């Protein structure tokens, strides 16, 4: 059984009351006891601040993919004067969404919602075919109309909810008292209402206190005597707080002098004044009555344990949670003899008449003066409270829902009853077209005509079959598009030939049942001639069905038949179908291989009709002639009956489709929405749909790379990792590069950039806004902090809907070294970190960066409800696998010769303050002054705050002699420079990783590195390390290294461990997908 639970009881204002606590506790227990049942939690997206809390609450109990969020256009609360149309629309949207989850039963945790906030609840507003259970707390406003239904608006709202409640299939009451109210006041059948009871959480238990702790707690609330305690959710007449004060005031003064009356609840000033006035009127002193106001749960439990007696004088309760809370703490409890309270206490001698002050006074006096009675009730409380548990309540609820689901299974597939045969549009090639499907349809149509009034939709000049011509109107595609609404049912027959091409556009516009004769559908596009495999429509289907890897293979192979044999190119047909009929299990197995996440609930196998020829032979061979015809007829009829049953099943399952939802919204009377509201509505309907994507998406953010390849280290990482990811094969995930900009909210698919990157036609498909769904993963691979800040709300919305979000963190240097970055860089980086750490995790490029991020999060991070996953993975280095840029300048050979003929020290990286370029240039000036003949080669573009250095380099007498500065060079040129150089100098004062060290090691180039932790992490013992920021420190280090080098005693990078980009990308993917 699949149970879909509407969790708004833990989202609306009710989350602050007993309903919210009960909802969470009961549903946690229900999930823990679900056994083979599947549980899906449905959340209202109009309460975004509650979503993460609920996700965290169930994080260890339920897969996050089983927590779903639906969206509607707000505000929708009942008291809003202009909310009627939006509210009714939201009711339809919610019911459609819940139905789309294919539940066997829906459980509503709180139906009476939405008066003053954006909760949306209803039953049967859209369709009442799915069994629905409701947790029933009480019917107090209905029973005490004169107290609660004075406001006409409130009365109308409440009566509407009562109307919905009457349509429920099952009421799960939290007490026998509430169950009996439903039977008595609503006429609910006794077997449709089940008492599941309620319970309290484990923290309500007996406690012991150190004397100092006890004194601190009591003094905090102004308690100086032994005290009698009451608590409740609110100050209202039925709680009978004034009656309690009057009754307490009638106790003997000698007894009152030894005690205080403690009223624990949130209290408004006007109520406080009134209760103090009542106490004074009946002779109580100012110290005798203590009104605490709001008390946190921890203190509430302490007060339960510290009070002498707990009293509950309410006239009427649905359950009476405070009674059980106090009893679970081992406190002596006395309470009303009405509604549900006796069920909890279960001792007549602990009860009183709440409407008789004298009865309350007498019971109070008894328990305050009779020590033996007090102790007896304390023991009873602990014993009695053991009868209540959330596990028991959950098991009762599961049993009741299981029973009602089985009883109502036929209800779920009820369809509109036709007084005539439904009109069927039958779309297939027909004779004289030379096709097996054409012949198949000619055999099937006469038998289907028993059930349907059939019209055939064809793309051919003539139809030769005499039965079809005599019995079925023959239409073309244009006619069908114009008159589609006249048909009750639509069936498409798809095969792998051009005869079916006309159906593609029809199916996209007018969904129907698809009979899939061939799983592979590439042949449909052959109508465009010999070069059909270059047809943009086929290439688009190749991408949509199978992703970039398939398109990349197409672009790089000369044998296109391999692509045809490998990729079915049929996803648009599979997704658009209301249901699929296949002729064996083989297509289902192929679908599982090609599209592991595709929903196969709407696939059915019906034997191919040609198999009846063999069946006919078997019947003739093994039976007497007089029964042969009857058996043959029964076989044909049985097969066609299967067709009819399956088609009707698919249509019954589709009653909650988006199309039907839109039509239902269109029928709402009154308010007419404007274009903006219609656009918002369309977005929400689209977002609520399960897109039935064949795989989950791995959305890779390359926002900076799409705009420009800045040829920085981060760009090299983005480009390299992206290439490897696109070339990887995944069963469950589809790689989709995406990007966003500052000027638009939302991310777009980076299709044109990616197609050009892999060598395909870049105008094949447009960069549409992304579609995302529960279970997708977003990875911020590129670094574009301003874009992330702009997209904060969009990312939060994705996260709320169940998309996991990770970011690559390259470093925290703008925060750790703000002096070497432009003014404000630290603030911008902090803003970026504060956003990305709201989500699921970070992949850092070194353990050093991971440690920096952990420290920053500890010092600055906001409190999280779920752990933030911080991991690290080193980068790759093989340039040939990083989509290297190509091209050599005219003077390349001259420069390379210059580099090769003397010892040449290479520095790679953007020229900026922290990189140590100024110290290095000055160090080399000392070396040159000492007539040490060495080259310094700088490869990197100009960065920030280096104007003085740049001017020095441009005017340097050694420029283009022993000092080379190469800006914006290609990867091809850089490779040659690495190969020609003698040693790499890594003089940076701070790095996230140090990619040039890895690239140097790949070329077996020795390394001189500043002694900073991240360089030690990357190079270990395979580099020569130097200390100090003075030029002379580096000059001495270089001279020392040259001595070692000349003796072949220098540290060598030959054995330094490094990853390929393929390995680095795999590590990242393993982290994301584990």
Foldseek 3Di string as FASTA:
>chain_A
DEEEEELCCCQAPNVVFPLVQQSLFLVLLLLVVVVPYHYAYEYEVQRLVCLQVSCLSCVVRHPLLSYFYFYFDDDQAQPPPPRVLRLLLVQLLVVLLSLLVVGLEYEYSDQLDRNPGRDHHAAQSQHNLRAYEYEFLADVCVVPVVFRVPDVSVVVSVVRSLVRVLSHQAYAAQFVLRLVCCCPVVVDDSLRYHHLHTADDPVLAADDDDPVVLVVLCVVQLHDAAEEEEEDADDDVQQLPLLLLLLQLPAPPVLLVRYAYEYEYADDPVRVVVSVVSNVVSPHDPSRYTYRHHDDPVSVSVVLNRHQEYEGLGQETSACHVQLSSLNNLHQYAYAPDRHVCVQQVDPLRYFHSVDSNRSNVSVNCCSVPVVVRNVSSVSSNVSSVVHDSNSSSVSVVVSSVVSSVVSVVSLQDDDDDPDQFEEEEEDAAPPPPDPRNVLCLVQVVLLVVRHQYAYEADDDDHDRPVCVVRHHYHYPVVCVVPVVSGPAYEYEDDQALRRLVVLVVLVVRAHEYEYADQAHLRNQCVVDPVSVQPLVLLLLQCQQQNLQLNLCVQPDPPCVVSSVPGRSCVSVVLSYLAYEYADCVSVVVLCQRQVQFDNPRYDHAHRPVVLVVVLVVLVVPHDPVCSVVVSVVVSNVRSVVVVVSRSSSVSSCCSPPVNSVVSSVPDDDDDDDPVSVVVRVVSSLLSDPSSRSAAEEEEEPAPVLVHQPVAPLSLQSLLLVLLVSNDDDRHYHYWYWYFDLVDAAIWTPQLVSCVLSRHHSVSDDTGGDRHAAPHEYEHSHDDLSRCLSHLVVVSSRVSRHYAYEYEDWALCCCVPVVFDPPPPNVSVVSSLQRRQQGAEYEFQFVVRLVVSVVCCVVPNDDRSDDYYYHYFHAFADQVSSSWFDDDDPCLVVVLVLQQPFAEEEEEGEDTDQQLPVLQVVLVVVVVVVVNDYAYEYEHHHDPPCVVVVVCQVPPPCYVHRYDYHYPDIPVSVLSSLLRHAEYEREGPDTRACNVLNNNLVSFHAYEYEPDVRCCRQQPQQHHYWYDSHSNRVNVSVVVQVVCVVVVNGRISPPGDGHHNSVRSVVVVVVRPD
